[in-house]
Amino acid sequence: SKRTLAVLVGLFIVLCTAGYLKLDLKTSLYDLNNPPQDLLTEAAALSK
């Protein structure tokens, strides 16, 4: 029915709006690679 369709369209708009308000742009070197934590720990210790 048109009423059901209107509800579905409304839900679509609400969901998209709520999601976009919380959507952050994440740009980091870790988007490319996330090295093992033990290697990072030892590298930091050796640097000191």
PDB file of all heavy atoms in Angstrom:
ATOM      1  N   SER A   1       0.837  -1.202   0.000  1.00  0.00           N
ATOM      2  CA  SER A   1       0.000   0.000   0.000  1.00  0.00           C
ATOM      3  C   SER A   1       0.867   1.245   0.000  1.00  0.00           C
ATOM      4  O   SER A   1       2.051   1.210   0.352  1.00  0.00           O
ATOM      5  CB  SER A   1      -0.908   0.002   1.234  1.00  0.00           C
ATOM      6  OG  SER A   1      -0.125   0.097   2.421  1.00  0.00           O
ATOM      7  N   LYS A   2       0.270   2.353  -0.383  1.00  0.00           N
ATOM      8  CA  LYS A   2       0.994   3.617  -0.420  1.00  0.00           C
ATOM      9  C   LYS A   2       1.464   4.020   0.975  1.00  0.00           C
ATOM     10  O   LYS A   2       2.541   4.604   1.136  1.00  0.00           O
ATOM     11  CB  LYS A   2       0.106   4.707  -1.012  1.00  0.00           C
ATOM     12  CG  LYS A   2      -0.182   4.523  -2.501  1.00  0.00           C
ATOM     13  CD  LYS A   2      -0.993   5.692  -3.042  1.00  0.00           C
ATOM     14  CE  LYS A   2      -1.259   5.527  -4.539  1.00  0.00           C
ATOM     15  NZ  LYS A   2      -2.044   6.657  -5.093  1.00  0.00           N
ATOM     16  N   ARG A   3       0.646   3.705   1.991  1.00  0.00           N
ATOM     17  CA  ARG A   3       1.041   4.035   3.364  1.00  0.00           C
ATOM     18  C   ARG A   3       2.288   3.249   3.763  1.00  0.00           C
ATOM     19  O   ARG A   3       3.229   3.807   4.344  1.00  0.00           O
ATOM     20  CB  ARG A   3      -0.107   3.736   4.314  1.00  0.00           C
ATOM     21  CG  ARG A   3       0.236   4.033   5.791  1.00  0.00           C
ATOM     22  CD  ARG A   3      -0.936   3.761   6.701  1.00  0.00           C
ATOM     23  NE  ARG A   3      -2.041   4.670   6.381  1.00  0.00           N
ATOM     24  CZ  ARG A   3      -3.219   4.640   7.013  1.00  0.00           C
ATOM     25  NH1 ARG A   3      -3.429   3.749   7.976  1.00  0.00           N
ATOM     26  NH2 ARG A   3      -4.177   5.483   6.689  1.00  0.00           N
ATOM     27  N   THR A   4       2.284   1.953   3.446  1.00  0.00           N
ATOM     28  CA  THR A   4       3.446   1.111   3.765  1.00  0.00           C
ATOM     29  C   THR A   4       4.677   1.601   3.009  1.00  0.00           C
ATOM     30  O   THR A   4       5.792   1.656   3.560  1.00  0.00           O
ATOM     31  CB  THR A   4       3.163  -0.355   3.408  1.00  0.00           C
ATOM     32  OG1 THR A   4       2.008  -0.792   4.111  1.00  0.00           O
ATOM     33  CG2 THR A   4       4.350  -1.234   3.771  1.00  0.00           C
ATOM     34  N   LEU A   5       4.482   1.943   1.744  1.00  0.00           N
ATOM     35  CA  LEU A   5       5.598   2.438   0.940  1.00  0.00           C
ATOM     36  C   LEU A   5       6.146   3.742   1.523  1.00  0.00           C
ATOM     37  O   LEU A   5       7.375   3.939   1.578  1.00  0.00           O
ATOM     38  CB  LEU A   5       5.131   2.663  -0.500  1.00  0.00           C
ATOM     39  CG  LEU A   5       6.214   3.058  -1.507  1.00  0.00           C
ATOM     40  CD1 LEU A   5       7.286   1.981  -1.584  1.00  0.00           C
ATOM     41  CD2 LEU A   5       5.594   3.293  -2.884  1.00  0.00           C
ATOM     42  N   ALA A   6       5.255   4.609   1.992  1.00  0.00           N
ATOM     43  CA  ALA A   6       5.691   5.872   2.595  1.00  0.00           C
ATOM     44  C   ALA A   6       6.491   5.624   3.873  1.00  0.00           C
ATOM     45  O   ALA A   6       7.496   6.298   4.140  1.00  0.00           O
ATOM     46  CB  ALA A   6       4.485   6.756   2.892  1.00  0.00           C
ATOM     47  N   VAL A   7       6.041   4.627   4.659  1.00  0.00           N
ATOM     48  CA  VAL A   7       6.774   4.271   5.886  1.00  0.00           C
ATOM     49  C   VAL A   7       8.166   3.755   5.549  1.00  0.00           C
ATOM     50  O   VAL A   7       9.164   4.115   6.190  1.00  0.00           O
ATOM     51  CB  VAL A   7       5.981   3.232   6.704  1.00  0.00           C
ATOM     52  CG1 VAL A   7       6.843   2.698   7.849  1.00  0.00           C
ATOM     53  CG2 VAL A   7       4.699   3.843   7.244  1.00  0.00           C
ATOM     54  N   LEU A   8       8.244   2.907   4.504  1.00  0.00           N
ATOM     55  CA  LEU A   8       9.539   2.348   4.097  1.00  0.00           C
ATOM     56  C   LEU A   8      10.479   3.453   3.605  1.00  0.00           C
ATOM     57  O   LEU A   8      11.673   3.458   3.941  1.00  0.00           O
ATOM     58  CB  LEU A   8       9.336   1.302   3.005  1.00  0.00           C
ATOM     59  CG  LEU A   8       8.626   0.013   3.437  1.00  0.00           C
ATOM     60  CD1 LEU A   8       8.367  -0.884   2.229  1.00  0.00           C
ATOM     61  CD2 LEU A   8       9.456  -0.730   4.480  1.00  0.00           C
ATOM     62  N   VAL A   9       9.934   4.383   2.822  1.00  0.00           N
ATOM     63  CA  VAL A   9      10.759   5.497   2.350  1.00  0.00           C
ATOM     64  C   VAL A   9      11.217   6.358   3.527  1.00  0.00           C
ATOM     65  O   VAL A   9      12.380   6.801   3.590  1.00  0.00           O
ATOM     66  CB  VAL A   9       9.974   6.345   1.329  1.00  0.00           C
ATOM     67  CG1 VAL A   9      10.757   7.616   0.981  1.00  0.00           C
ATOM     68  CG2 VAL A   9       9.690   5.546   0.069  1.00  0.00           C
ATOM     69  N   GLY A  10      10.321   6.580   4.485  1.00  0.00           N
ATOM     70  CA  GLY A  10      10.684   7.354   5.670  1.00  0.00           C
ATOM     71  C   GLY A  10      11.782   6.683   6.474  1.00  0.00           C
ATOM     72  O   GLY A  10      12.725   7.340   6.935  1.00  0.00           O
ATOM     73  N   LEU A  11      11.666   5.354   6.644  1.00  0.00           N
ATOM     74  CA  LEU A  11      12.702   4.607   7.361  1.00  0.00           C
ATOM     75  C   LEU A  11      14.039   4.693   6.639  1.00  0.00           C
ATOM     76  O   LEU A  11      15.099   4.817   7.269  1.00  0.00           O
ATOM     77  CB  LEU A  11      12.273   3.145   7.521  1.00  0.00           C
ATOM     78  CG  LEU A  11      11.173   2.865   8.545  1.00  0.00           C
ATOM     79  CD1 LEU A  11      10.766   1.385   8.494  1.00  0.00           C
ATOM     80  CD2 LEU A  11      11.644   3.229   9.954  1.00  0.00           C
ATOM     81  N   PHE A  12      13.984   4.626   5.319  1.00  0.00           N
ATOM     82  CA  PHE A  12      15.210   4.735   4.515  1.00  0.00           C
ATOM     83  C   PHE A  12      15.879   6.088   4.750  1.00  0.00           C
ATOM     84  O   PHE A  12      17.099   6.166   4.969  1.00  0.00           O
ATOM     85  CB  PHE A  12      14.862   4.548   3.038  1.00  0.00           C
ATOM     86  CG  PHE A  12      16.012   4.773   2.101  1.00  0.00           C
ATOM     87  CD1 PHE A  12      16.951   3.783   1.868  1.00  0.00           C
ATOM     88  CD2 PHE A  12      16.165   5.996   1.447  1.00  0.00           C
ATOM     89  CE1 PHE A  12      18.013   3.994   1.005  1.00  0.00           C
ATOM     90  CE2 PHE A  12      17.219   6.219   0.585  1.00  0.00           C
ATOM     91  CZ  PHE A  12      18.152   5.207   0.359  1.00  0.00           C
ATOM     92  N   ILE A  13      15.091   7.143   4.729  1.00  0.00           N
ATOM     93  CA  ILE A  13      15.637   8.492   4.921  1.00  0.00           C
ATOM     94  C   ILE A  13      16.198   8.658   6.331  1.00  0.00           C
ATOM     95  O   ILE A  13      17.295   9.202   6.527  1.00  0.00           O
ATOM     96  CB  ILE A  13      14.551   9.546   4.637  1.00  0.00           C
ATOM     97  CG1 ILE A  13      14.151   9.505   3.155  1.00  0.00           C
ATOM     98  CG2 ILE A  13      15.038  10.940   5.013  1.00  0.00           C
ATOM     99  CD1 ILE A  13      12.979  10.405   2.814  1.00  0.00           C
ATOM    100  N   VAL A  14      15.455   8.175   7.328  1.00  0.00           N
ATOM    101  CA  VAL A  14      15.912   8.290   8.720  1.00  0.00           C
ATOM    102  C   VAL A  14      17.206   7.511   8.930  1.00  0.00           C
ATOM    103  O   VAL A  14      18.156   8.000   9.568  1.00  0.00           O
ATOM    104  CB  VAL A  14      14.818   7.790   9.686  1.00  0.00           C
ATOM    105  CG1 VAL A  14      15.372   7.661  11.104  1.00  0.00           C
ATOM    106  CG2 VAL A  14      13.630   8.737   9.675  1.00  0.00           C
ATOM    107  N   LEU A  15      17.256   6.284   8.399  1.00  0.00           N
ATOM    108  CA  LEU A  15      18.446   5.445   8.567  1.00  0.00           C
ATOM    109  C   LEU A  15      19.655   6.088   7.902  1.00  0.00           C
ATOM    110  O   LEU A  15      20.748   6.135   8.489  1.00  0.00           O
ATOM    111  CB  LEU A  15      18.180   4.059   7.973  1.00  0.00           C
ATOM    112  CG  LEU A  15      19.302   3.017   8.133  1.00  0.00           C
ATOM    113  CD1 LEU A  15      19.577   2.761   9.610  1.00  0.00           C
ATOM    114  CD2 LEU A  15      18.940   1.718   7.439  1.00  0.00           C
ATOM    115  N   CYS A  16      19.478   6.577   6.684  1.00  0.00           N
ATOM    116  CA  CYS A  16      20.591   7.210   5.972  1.00  0.00           C
ATOM    117  C   CYS A  16      21.055   8.472   6.701  1.00  0.00           C
ATOM    118  O   CYS A  16      22.258   8.706   6.862  1.00  0.00           O
ATOM    119  CB  CYS A  16      20.180   7.547   4.543  1.00  0.00           C
ATOM    120  SG  CYS A  16      20.019   6.102   3.460  1.00  0.00           S
ATOM    121  N   THR A  17      20.092   9.287   7.171  1.00  0.00           N
ATOM    122  CA  THR A  17      20.445  10.523   7.871  1.00  0.00           C
ATOM    123  C   THR A  17      21.211  10.233   9.158  1.00  0.00           C
ATOM    124  O   THR A  17      22.249  10.851   9.442  1.00  0.00           O
ATOM    125  CB  THR A  17      19.182  11.338   8.197  1.00  0.00           C
ATOM    126  OG1 THR A  17      18.465  11.609   6.989  1.00  0.00           O
ATOM    127  CG2 THR A  17      19.544  12.644   8.880  1.00  0.00           C
ATOM    128  N   ALA A  18      20.704   9.259   9.943  1.00  0.00           N
ATOM    129  CA  ALA A  18      21.371   8.907  11.204  1.00  0.00           C
ATOM    130  C   ALA A  18      22.771   8.368  10.952  1.00  0.00           C
ATOM    131  O   ALA A  18      23.720   8.680  11.688  1.00  0.00           O
ATOM    132  CB  ALA A  18      20.533   7.875  11.955  1.00  0.00           C
ATOM    133  N   GLY A  19      22.911   7.554   9.903  1.00  0.00           N
ATOM    134  CA  GLY A  19      24.219   6.988   9.589  1.00  0.00           C
ATOM    135  C   GLY A  19      25.204   8.033   9.109  1.00  0.00           C
ATOM    136  O   GLY A  19      26.370   8.054   9.527  1.00  0.00           O
ATOM    137  N   TYR A  20      24.739   8.944   8.253  1.00  0.00           N
ATOM    138  CA  TYR A  20      25.642   9.956   7.712  1.00  0.00           C
ATOM    139  C   TYR A  20      26.100  10.941   8.776  1.00  0.00           C
ATOM    140  O   TYR A  20      27.212  11.468   8.709  1.00  0.00           O
ATOM    141  CB  TYR A  20      24.967  10.704   6.567  1.00  0.00           C
ATOM    142  CG  TYR A  20      24.711   9.839   5.342  1.00  0.00           C
ATOM    143  CD1 TYR A  20      23.727  10.165   4.421  1.00  0.00           C
ATOM    144  CD2 TYR A  20      25.448   8.681   5.121  1.00  0.00           C
ATOM    145  CE1 TYR A  20      23.486   9.369   3.307  1.00  0.00           C
ATOM    146  CE2 TYR A  20      25.221   7.877   4.027  1.00  0.00           C
ATOM    147  CZ  TYR A  20      24.241   8.220   3.122  1.00  0.00           C
ATOM    148  OH  TYR A  20      24.011   7.424   2.033  1.00  0.00           O
ATOM    149  N   LEU A  21      25.258  11.211   9.763  1.00  0.00           N
ATOM    150  CA  LEU A  21      25.655  12.113  10.845  1.00  0.00           C
ATOM    151  C   LEU A  21      26.784  11.523  11.681  1.00  0.00           C
ATOM    152  O   LEU A  21      27.563  12.260  12.295  1.00  0.00           O
ATOM    153  CB  LEU A  21      24.446  12.422  11.740  1.00  0.00           C
ATOM    154  CG  LEU A  21      23.360  13.307  11.125  1.00  0.00           C
ATOM    155  CD1 LEU A  21      22.173  13.436  12.072  1.00  0.00           C
ATOM    156  CD2 LEU A  21      23.917  14.694  10.773  1.00  0.00           C
ATOM    157  N   LYS A  22      26.878  10.203  11.727  1.00  0.00           N
ATOM    158  CA  LYS A  22      27.922   9.527  12.505  1.00  0.00           C
ATOM    159  C   LYS A  22      29.085   9.058  11.639  1.00  0.00           C
ATOM    160  O   LYS A  22      30.017   8.440  12.141  1.00  0.00           O
ATOM    161  CB  LYS A  22      27.333   8.319  13.237  1.00  0.00           C
ATOM    162  CG  LYS A  22      26.332   8.678  14.323  1.00  0.00           C
ATOM    163  CD  LYS A  22      25.893   7.436  15.088  1.00  0.00           C
ATOM    164  CE  LYS A  22      24.953   7.798  16.224  1.00  0.00           C
ATOM    165  NZ  LYS A  22      24.533   6.599  16.991  1.00  0.00           N
ATOM    166  N   LEU A  23      29.014   9.355  10.348  1.00  0.00           N
ATOM    167  CA  LEU A  23      30.024   8.867   9.419  1.00  0.00           C
ATOM    168  C   LEU A  23      31.251   9.778   9.449  1.00  0.00           C
ATOM    169  O   LEU A  23      31.182  10.940   9.050  1.00  0.00           O
ATOM    170  CB  LEU A  23      29.442   8.809   8.005  1.00  0.00           C
ATOM    171  CG  LEU A  23      30.242   8.028   6.959  1.00  0.00           C
ATOM    172  CD1 LEU A  23      30.371   6.570   7.354  1.00  0.00           C
ATOM    173  CD2 LEU A  23      29.574   8.153   5.588  1.00  0.00           C
ATOM    174  N   ASP A  24      32.348   9.256   9.950  1.00  0.00           N
ATOM    175  CA  ASP A  24      33.605  10.002  10.002  1.00  0.00           C
ATOM    176  C   ASP A  24      34.534   9.530   8.894  1.00  0.00           C
ATOM    177  O   ASP A  24      34.547   8.353   8.533  1.00  0.00           O
ATOM    178  CB  ASP A  24      34.301   9.802  11.350  1.00  0.00           C
ATOM    179  CG  ASP A  24      33.486  10.371  12.494  1.00  0.00           C
ATOM    180  OD1 ASP A  24      32.841  11.405  12.282  1.00  0.00           O
ATOM    181  OD2 ASP A  24      33.491   9.769  13.584  1.00  0.00           O
ATOM    182  N   LEU A  25      35.318  10.466   8.400  1.00  0.00           N
ATOM    183  CA  LEU A  25      36.323  10.120   7.399  1.00  0.00           C
ATOM    184  C   LEU A  25      37.573   9.636   8.123  1.00  0.00           C
ATOM    185  O   LEU A  25      38.149  10.358   8.935  1.00  0.00           O
ATOM    186  CB  LEU A  25      36.647  11.345   6.536  1.00  0.00           C
ATOM    187  CG  LEU A  25      37.579  11.108   5.348  1.00  0.00           C
ATOM    188  CD1 LEU A  25      36.952  10.133   4.360  1.00  0.00           C
ATOM    189  CD2 LEU A  25      37.909  12.425   4.664  1.00  0.00           C
ATOM    190  N   LYS A  26      37.988   8.417   7.842  1.00  0.00           N
ATOM    191  CA  LYS A  26      39.146   7.829   8.511  1.00  0.00           C
ATOM    192  C   LYS A  26      40.244   7.600   7.478  1.00  0.00           C
ATOM    193  O   LYS A  26      40.104   6.786   6.577  1.00  0.00           O
ATOM    194  CB  LYS A  26      38.769   6.518   9.193  1.00  0.00           C
ATOM    195  CG  LYS A  26      37.800   6.709  10.347  1.00  0.00           C
ATOM    196  CD  LYS A  26      37.563   5.419  11.109  1.00  0.00           C
ATOM    197  CE  LYS A  26      36.666   5.648  12.319  1.00  0.00           C
ATOM    198  NZ  LYS A  26      36.419   4.412  13.091  1.00  0.00           N
ATOM    199  N   THR A  27      41.315   8.369   7.610  1.00  0.00           N
ATOM    200  CA  THR A  27      42.453   8.247   6.698  1.00  0.00           C
ATOM    201  C   THR A  27      43.707   8.134   7.540  1.00  0.00           C
ATOM    202  O   THR A  27      44.107   9.070   8.219  1.00  0.00           O
ATOM    203  CB  THR A  27      42.554   9.477   5.784  1.00  0.00           C
ATOM    204  OG1 THR A  27      42.610  10.644   6.596  1.00  0.00           O
ATOM    205  CG2 THR A  27      41.337   9.569   4.879  1.00  0.00           C
ATOM    206  N   SER A  28      44.318   6.993   7.500  1.00  0.00           N
ATOM    207  CA  SER A  28      45.487   6.738   8.338  1.00  0.00           C
ATOM    208  C   SER A  28      46.384   5.733   7.644  1.00  0.00           C
ATOM    209  O   SER A  28      45.942   4.951   6.796  1.00  0.00           O
ATOM    210  CB  SER A  28      45.059   6.195   9.705  1.00  0.00           C
ATOM    211  OG  SER A  28      46.153   5.668  10.414  1.00  0.00           O
ATOM    212  N   LEU A  29      47.663   5.784   8.031  1.00  0.00           N
ATOM    213  CA  LEU A  29      48.609   4.796   7.531  1.00  0.00           C
ATOM    214  C   LEU A  29      48.168   3.388   7.893  1.00  0.00           C
ATOM    215  O   LEU A  29      48.422   2.427   7.170  1.00  0.00           O
ATOM    216  CB  LEU A  29      50.005   5.077   8.119  1.00  0.00           C
ATOM    217  CG  LEU A  29      51.129   4.093   7.773  1.00  0.00           C
ATOM    218  CD1 LEU A  29      51.352   4.069   6.263  1.00  0.00           C
ATOM    219  CD2 LEU A  29      52.401   4.467   8.484  1.00  0.00           C
ATOM    220  N   TYR A  30      47.453   3.253   9.020  1.00  0.00           N
ATOM    221  CA  TYR A  30      47.006   1.934   9.452  1.00  0.00           C
ATOM    222  C   TYR A  30      45.877   1.390   8.584  1.00  0.00           C
ATOM    223  O   TYR A  30      45.474   0.248   8.735  1.00  0.00           O
ATOM    224  CB  TYR A  30      46.584   1.971  10.920  1.00  0.00           C
ATOM    225  CG  TYR A  30      47.759   2.223  11.835  1.00  0.00           C
ATOM    226  CD1 TYR A  30      47.966   3.471  12.413  1.00  0.00           C
ATOM    227  CD2 TYR A  30      48.691   1.220  12.086  1.00  0.00           C
ATOM    228  CE1 TYR A  30      49.059   3.712  13.229  1.00  0.00           C
ATOM    229  CE2 TYR A  30      49.787   1.454  12.901  1.00  0.00           C
ATOM    230  CZ  TYR A  30      49.959   2.690  13.471  1.00  0.00           C
ATOM    231  OH  TYR A  30      51.052   2.928  14.269  1.00  0.00           O
ATOM    232  N   ASP A  31      45.333   2.258   7.658  1.00  0.00           N
ATOM    233  CA  ASP A  31      44.394   1.737   6.674  1.00  0.00           C
ATOM    234  C   ASP A  31      45.104   0.830   5.679  1.00  0.00           C
ATOM    235  O   ASP A  31      44.475   0.030   4.991  1.00  0.00           O
ATOM    236  CB  ASP A  31      43.725   2.889   5.910  1.00  0.00           C
ATOM    237  CG  ASP A  31      42.722   3.629   6.786  1.00  0.00           C
ATOM    238  OD1 ASP A  31      42.230   3.018   7.747  1.00  0.00           O
ATOM    239  OD2 ASP A  31      42.443   4.802   6.503  1.00  0.00           O
ATOM    240  N   LEU A  32      46.429   1.009   5.570  1.00  0.00           N
ATOM    241  CA  LEU A  32      47.202   0.188   4.645  1.00  0.00           C
ATOM    242  C   LEU A  32      47.724  -1.075   5.311  1.00  0.00           C
ATOM    243  O   LEU A  32      47.714  -2.147   4.726  1.00  0.00           O
ATOM    244  CB  LEU A  32      48.394   0.991   4.108  1.00  0.00           C
ATOM    245  CG  LEU A  32      48.067   2.183   3.217  1.00  0.00           C
ATOM    246  CD1 LEU A  32      49.338   2.924   2.853  1.00  0.00           C
ATOM    247  CD2 LEU A  32      47.355   1.715   1.966  1.00  0.00           C
ATOM    248  N   ASN A  33      48.173  -0.930   6.526  1.00  0.00           N
ATOM    249  CA  ASN A  33      48.807  -2.067   7.172  1.00  0.00           C
ATOM    250  C   ASN A  33      48.731  -1.910   8.680  1.00  0.00           C
ATOM    251  O   ASN A  33      48.818  -0.804   9.196  1.00  0.00           O
ATOM    252  CB  ASN A  33      50.276  -2.162   6.737  1.00  0.00           C
ATOM    253  CG  ASN A  33      50.962  -3.380   7.311  1.00  0.00           C
ATOM    254  OD1 ASN A  33      50.321  -4.409   7.526  1.00  0.00           O
ATOM    255  ND2 ASN A  33      52.245  -3.298   7.550  1.00  0.00           N
ATOM    256  N   ASN A  34      48.562  -3.019   9.363  1.00  0.00           N
ATOM    257  CA  ASN A  34      48.530  -3.016  10.820  1.00  0.00           C
ATOM    258  C   ASN A  34      49.515  -4.075  11.307  1.00  0.00           C
ATOM    259  O   ASN A  34      49.162  -5.243  11.438  1.00  0.00           O
ATOM    260  CB  ASN A  34      47.117  -3.321  11.316  1.00  0.00           C
ATOM    261  CG  ASN A  34      46.982  -3.066  12.804  1.00  0.00           C
ATOM    262  OD1 ASN A  34      47.859  -2.466  13.424  1.00  0.00           O
ATOM    263  ND2 ASN A  34      45.896  -3.534  13.387  1.00  0.00           N
ATOM    264  N   PRO A  35      50.773  -3.677  11.535  1.00  0.00           N
ATOM    265  CA  PRO A  35      51.809  -4.666  11.874  1.00  0.00           C
ATOM    266  C   PRO A  35      51.480  -5.387  13.177  1.00  0.00           C
ATOM    267  O   PRO A  35      50.748  -4.870  14.026  1.00  0.00           O
ATOM    268  CB  PRO A  35      53.073  -3.816  12.028  1.00  0.00           C
ATOM    269  CG  PRO A  35      52.769  -2.523  11.344  1.00  0.00           C
ATOM    270  CD  PRO A  35      51.297  -2.320  11.503  1.00  0.00           C
ATOM    271  N   PRO A  36      52.035  -6.587  13.368  1.00  0.00           N
ATOM    272  CA  PRO A  36      51.832  -7.310  14.628  1.00  0.00           C
ATOM    273  C   PRO A  36      52.280  -6.483  15.824  1.00  0.00           C
ATOM    274  O   PRO A  36      53.311  -5.810  15.771  1.00  0.00           O
ATOM    275  CB  PRO A  36      52.715  -8.563  14.454  1.00  0.00           C
ATOM    276  CG  PRO A  36      52.832  -8.747  12.975  1.00  0.00           C
ATOM    277  CD  PRO A  36      52.825  -7.360  12.400  1.00  0.00           C
ATOM    278  N   GLN A  37      51.513  -6.537  16.892  1.00  0.00           N
ATOM    279  CA  GLN A  37      51.784  -5.709  18.062  1.00  0.00           C
ATOM    280  C   GLN A  37      53.126  -6.058  18.696  1.00  0.00           C
ATOM    281  O   GLN A  37      53.826  -5.168  19.200  1.00  0.00           O
ATOM    282  CB  GLN A  37      50.663  -5.875  19.090  1.00  0.00           C
ATOM    283  CG  GLN A  37      50.764  -4.925  20.273  1.00  0.00           C
ATOM    284  CD  GLN A  37      50.749  -3.467  19.850  1.00  0.00           C
ATOM    285  OE1 GLN A  37      49.964  -3.067  19.007  1.00  0.00           O
ATOM    286  NE2 GLN A  37      51.628  -2.659  20.447  1.00  0.00           N
ATOM    287  N   ASP A  38      53.508  -7.329  18.680  1.00  0.00           N
ATOM    288  CA  ASP A  38      54.784  -7.697  19.305  1.00  0.00           C
ATOM    289  C   ASP A  38      55.969  -7.085  18.562  1.00  0.00           C
ATOM    290  O   ASP A  38      56.961  -6.684  19.182  1.00  0.00           O
ATOM    291  CB  ASP A  38      54.926  -9.222  19.390  1.00  0.00           C
ATOM    292  CG  ASP A  38      54.842  -9.894  18.034  1.00  0.00           C
ATOM    293  OD1 ASP A  38      54.246  -9.302  17.115  1.00  0.00           O
ATOM    294  OD2 ASP A  38      55.360 -11.009  17.887  1.00  0.00           O
ATOM    295  N   LEU A  39      55.867  -6.964  17.230  1.00  0.00           N
ATOM    296  CA  LEU A  39      56.941  -6.320  16.476  1.00  0.00           C
ATOM    297  C   LEU A  39      57.007  -4.831  16.797  1.00  0.00           C
ATOM    298  O   LEU A  39      58.100  -4.264  16.922  1.00  0.00           O
ATOM    299  CB  LEU A  39      56.732  -6.526  14.973  1.00  0.00           C
ATOM    300  CG  LEU A  39      56.965  -7.932  14.419  1.00  0.00           C
ATOM    301  CD1 LEU A  39      56.783  -7.941  12.909  1.00  0.00           C
ATOM    302  CD2 LEU A  39      58.358  -8.434  14.782  1.00  0.00           C
ATOM    303  N   LEU A  40      55.858  -4.194  16.922  1.00  0.00           N
ATOM    304  CA  LEU A  40      55.836  -2.775  17.272  1.00  0.00           C
ATOM    305  C   LEU A  40      56.420  -2.539  18.660  1.00  0.00           C
ATOM    306  O   LEU A  40      57.161  -1.578  18.882  1.00  0.00           O
ATOM    307  CB  LEU A  40      54.398  -2.246  17.220  1.00  0.00           C
ATOM    308  CG  LEU A  40      53.751  -2.153  15.833  1.00  0.00           C
ATOM    309  CD1 LEU A  40      52.289  -1.745  15.966  1.00  0.00           C
ATOM    310  CD2 LEU A  40      54.493  -1.157  14.960  1.00  0.00           C
ATOM    311  N   THR A  41      56.088  -3.429  19.590  1.00  0.00           N
ATOM    312  CA  THR A  41      56.590  -3.302  20.959  1.00  0.00           C
ATOM    313  C   THR A  41      58.107  -3.422  20.997  1.00  0.00           C
ATOM    314  O   THR A  41      58.801  -2.630  21.653  1.00  0.00           O
ATOM    315  CB  THR A  41      55.951  -4.368  21.857  1.00  0.00           C
ATOM    316  OG1 THR A  41      54.523  -4.213  21.841  1.00  0.00           O
ATOM    317  CG2 THR A  41      56.454  -4.236  23.283  1.00  0.00           C
ATOM    318  N   GLU A  42      58.646  -4.418  20.292  1.00  0.00           N
ATOM    319  CA  GLU A  42      60.093  -4.621  20.292  1.00  0.00           C
ATOM    320  C   GLU A  42      60.804  -3.492  19.554  1.00  0.00           C
ATOM    321  O   GLU A  42      61.910  -3.090  19.940  1.00  0.00           O
ATOM    322  CB  GLU A  42      60.436  -5.972  19.666  1.00  0.00           C
ATOM    323  CG  GLU A  42      59.947  -7.162  20.492  1.00  0.00           C
ATOM    324  CD  GLU A  42      60.824  -8.385  20.327  1.00  0.00           C
ATOM    325  OE1 GLU A  42      61.883  -8.298  19.691  1.00  0.00           O
ATOM    326  OE2 GLU A  42      60.445  -9.447  20.854  1.00  0.00           O
ATOM    327  N   ALA A  43      60.194  -2.978  18.493  1.00  0.00           N
ATOM    328  CA  ALA A  43      60.806  -1.860  17.773  1.00  0.00           C
ATOM    329  C   ALA A  43      60.905  -0.629  18.668  1.00  0.00           C
ATOM    330  O   ALA A  43      61.921   0.080  18.665  1.00  0.00           O
ATOM    331  CB  ALA A  43      59.998  -1.549  16.516  1.00  0.00           C
ATOM    332  N   ALA A  44      59.842  -0.361  19.446  1.00  0.00           N
ATOM    333  CA  ALA A  44      59.858   0.775  20.364  1.00  0.00           C
ATOM    334  C   ALA A  44      60.905   0.582  21.459  1.00  0.00           C
ATOM    335  O   ALA A  44      61.624   1.527  21.826  1.00  0.00           O
ATOM    336  CB  ALA A  44      58.473   0.959  20.977  1.00  0.00           C
ATOM    337  N   ALA A  45      61.005  -0.640  21.977  1.00  0.00           N
ATOM    338  CA  ALA A  45      61.988  -0.922  23.029  1.00  0.00           C
ATOM    339  C   ALA A  45      63.411  -0.773  22.501  1.00  0.00           C
ATOM    340  O   ALA A  45      64.275  -0.190  23.162  1.00  0.00           O
ATOM    341  CB  ALA A  45      61.768  -2.340  23.570  1.00  0.00           C
ATOM    342  N   LEU A  46      63.666  -1.276  21.289  1.00  0.00           N
ATOM    343  CA  LEU A  46      65.006  -1.176  20.714  1.00  0.00           C
ATOM    344  C   LEU A  46      65.373   0.274  20.413  1.00  0.00           C
ATOM    345  O   LEU A  46      66.527   0.683  20.587  1.00  0.00           O
ATOM    346  CB  LEU A  46      65.076  -2.009  19.434  1.00  0.00           C
ATOM    347  CG  LEU A  46      66.456  -2.107  18.770  1.00  0.00           C
ATOM    348  CD1 LEU A  46      67.447  -2.778  19.711  1.00  0.00           C
ATOM    349  CD2 LEU A  46      66.375  -2.871  17.455  1.00  0.00           C
ATOM    350  N   SER A  47      64.390   1.062  19.990  1.00  0.00           N
ATOM    351  CA  SER A  47      64.648   2.464  19.713  1.00  0.00           C
ATOM    352  C   SER A  47      65.091   3.198  20.973  1.00  0.00           C
ATOM    353  O   SER A  47      65.976   4.065  20.926  1.00  0.00           O
ATOM    354  CB  SER A  47      63.381   3.115  19.143  1.00  0.00           C
ATOM    355  OG  SER A  47      63.580   4.481  18.896  1.00  0.00           O
ATOM    356  N   LYS A  48      64.508   2.838  22.120  1.00  0.00           N
ATOM    357  CA  LYS A  48      64.904   3.461  23.377  1.00  0.00           C
ATOM    358  C   LYS A  48      66.305   3.009  23.792  1.00  0.00           C
ATOM    359  O   LYS A  48      67.110   3.807  24.277  1.00  0.00           O
ATOM    360  CB  LYS A  48      63.893   3.111  24.470  1.00  0.00           C
ATOM    361  CG  LYS A  48      62.528   3.770  24.277  1.00  0.00           C
ATOM    362  CD  LYS A  48      61.589   3.386  25.408  1.00  0.00           C
ATOM    363  CE  LYS A  48      60.227   4.055  25.228  1.00  0.00           C
ATOM    364  NZ  LYS A  48      59.282   3.679  26.314  1.00  0.00           N
TER     365      LYS A  48
END
